[in-house]
Amino acid sequence: MDKIKIAAALLLAAAGVAGFYYLDQSAMIIRVAAVLAGLAAGAALFWMSEPGKQFHVYAEESVAETRKVVWPTRKETLQTTGIVFAFVVIMALFLWVIDAGLLWAVKKLLGQGG
């Protein structure tokens, strides 16, 4: 039964998109409303299926876990970002020096260096 509900939910969402193109002579607000109505109807039907209920429980648990996270302060975030930028600049300079050195060495080996 759940497979039928999921298939019907997908069909409702597709019908909303099809309505957007079917109503090509209508105002854009009506066309967008058709898409939103199809997506809302499809989501509501999916919500009633067992996978939809499982997804709802998963989403609630995810929100609860997110609230438990200790987020960094603004100062910590800025310091970490600064360290990352500094590392990127240092690494870019290091790779540029290595690349230039290898280019110089290859030119010397090929007799093209002056």
Protein backbone atom coordinates (compact mmCIF):
# COMPACT_ATOMS: atom_id res chain seq x y z
CA MET A 1 0.00 0.00 0.00
CA ASP A 2 2.90 2.35 0.74
CA LYS A 3 4.29 1.89 -2.75
CA ILE A 4 0.95 3.00 -4.18
CA LYS A 5 0.93 6.06 -1.92
CA ILE A 6 4.48 6.97 -2.92
CA ALA A 7 3.69 6.49 -6.61
CA ALA A 8 0.56 8.64 -6.24
CA ALA A 9 2.58 11.30 -4.42
CA LEU A 10 5.08 11.38 -7.28
CA LEU A 11 2.23 11.60 -9.79
CA LEU A 12 0.71 14.53 -7.90
CA ALA A 13 4.05 16.34 -7.90
CA ALA A 14 4.46 15.61 -11.62
CA ALA A 15 0.89 16.81 -12.23
CA GLY A 16 1.78 20.11 -10.58
CA VAL A 17 4.76 20.53 -12.89
CA ALA A 18 2.64 19.50 -15.88
CA GLY A 19 0.05 22.06 -14.82
CA PHE A 20 2.74 24.73 -15.00
CA TYR A 21 3.25 23.98 -18.68
CA TYR A 22 -0.43 23.31 -19.42
CA LEU A 23 -1.37 26.73 -18.09
CA ASP A 24 1.19 28.54 -20.27
CA GLN A 25 -1.38 31.20 -21.25
CA SER A 26 -2.28 31.94 -17.62
CA ALA A 27 -0.69 34.39 -15.24
CA MET A 28 2.62 33.30 -13.74
CA ILE A 29 1.15 33.31 -10.23
CA ILE A 30 -1.42 30.69 -11.28
CA ARG A 31 1.25 28.57 -12.92
CA VAL A 32 3.44 28.71 -9.82
CA ALA A 33 0.41 27.97 -7.64
CA ALA A 34 -0.23 24.84 -9.73
CA VAL A 35 3.31 23.60 -9.09
CA LEU A 36 3.11 24.40 -5.38
CA ALA A 37 -0.31 22.73 -5.09
CA GLY A 38 0.98 19.58 -6.78
CA LEU A 39 4.06 19.47 -4.57
CA ALA A 40 2.01 20.12 -1.43
CA ALA A 41 -0.51 17.40 -2.32
CA GLY A 42 2.30 14.98 -3.11
CA ALA A 43 4.11 15.80 0.13
CA ALA A 44 0.89 15.38 2.14
CA LEU A 45 0.23 11.99 0.59
CA PHE A 46 3.85 10.90 1.10
CA TRP A 47 3.59 12.04 4.73
CA MET A 48 0.79 9.52 5.27
CA SER A 49 2.89 6.58 4.07
CA GLU A 50 5.13 4.56 6.38
CA PRO A 51 8.38 5.91 4.84
CA GLY A 52 6.95 9.41 5.24
CA LYS A 53 6.26 8.79 8.92
CA GLN A 54 9.76 7.38 9.36
CA PHE A 55 11.20 10.46 7.67
CA HIS A 56 9.19 12.69 10.01
CA VAL A 57 10.58 10.87 13.06
CA TYR A 58 14.11 11.13 11.61
CA ALA A 59 13.64 14.87 11.01
CA GLU A 60 12.43 15.43 14.58
CA GLU A 61 15.41 13.49 15.95
CA SER A 62 17.76 15.51 13.73
CA VAL A 63 16.35 18.77 15.07
CA ALA A 64 16.73 17.50 18.64
CA GLU A 65 20.36 16.53 18.00
CA THR A 66 21.07 19.89 16.36
CA ARG A 67 19.87 21.64 19.51
CA LYS A 68 22.38 19.61 21.55
CA VAL A 69 25.34 20.83 19.49
CA VAL A 70 27.63 23.35 21.17
CA TRP A 71 28.15 25.88 18.40
CA PRO A 72 31.39 27.89 18.32
CA THR A 73 31.35 31.52 19.35
CA ARG A 74 31.88 34.30 16.83
CA LYS A 75 35.45 34.77 18.09
CA GLU A 76 36.25 31.06 17.69
CA THR A 77 34.74 31.03 14.20
CA LEU A 78 36.75 34.06 13.08
CA GLN A 79 39.98 32.64 14.54
CA THR A 80 39.47 29.29 12.84
CA THR A 81 38.63 30.98 9.54
CA GLY A 82 41.76 33.11 9.82
CA ILE A 83 43.90 30.03 10.44
CA VAL A 84 42.40 28.30 7.41
CA PHE A 85 43.03 31.33 5.17
CA ALA A 86 46.61 31.63 6.43
CA PHE A 87 47.22 27.93 5.76
CA VAL A 88 45.80 28.25 2.24
CA VAL A 89 48.08 31.22 1.47
CA ILE A 90 51.15 29.44 2.87
CA MET A 91 50.31 26.26 0.96
CA ALA A 92 49.75 28.22 -2.26
CA LEU A 93 53.15 29.91 -1.88
CA PHE A 94 54.82 26.58 -1.12
CA LEU A 95 53.30 24.94 -4.20
CA TRP A 96 54.22 27.95 -6.35
CA VAL A 97 57.86 27.68 -5.19
CA ILE A 98 57.92 23.94 -5.88
CA ASP A 99 56.34 24.45 -9.32
CA ALA A 100 58.78 27.23 -10.22
CA GLY A 101 61.70 25.10 -9.03
CA LEU A 102 60.61 22.10 -11.07
CA LEU A 103 60.06 24.30 -14.13
CA TRP A 104 63.55 25.75 -13.74
CA ALA A 105 65.04 22.25 -13.32
CA VAL A 106 63.28 20.88 -16.40
CA LYS A 107 64.41 23.87 -18.50
CA LYS A 108 68.01 23.35 -17.34
CA LEU A 109 67.83 19.63 -18.19
CA LEU A 110 66.46 20.41 -21.64
CA GLY A 111 69.06 23.12 -22.22
CA GLN A 112 66.50 25.89 -22.56
CA GLY A 113 67.47 27.82 -19.42
CA GLY A 114 69.64 30.89 -19.72
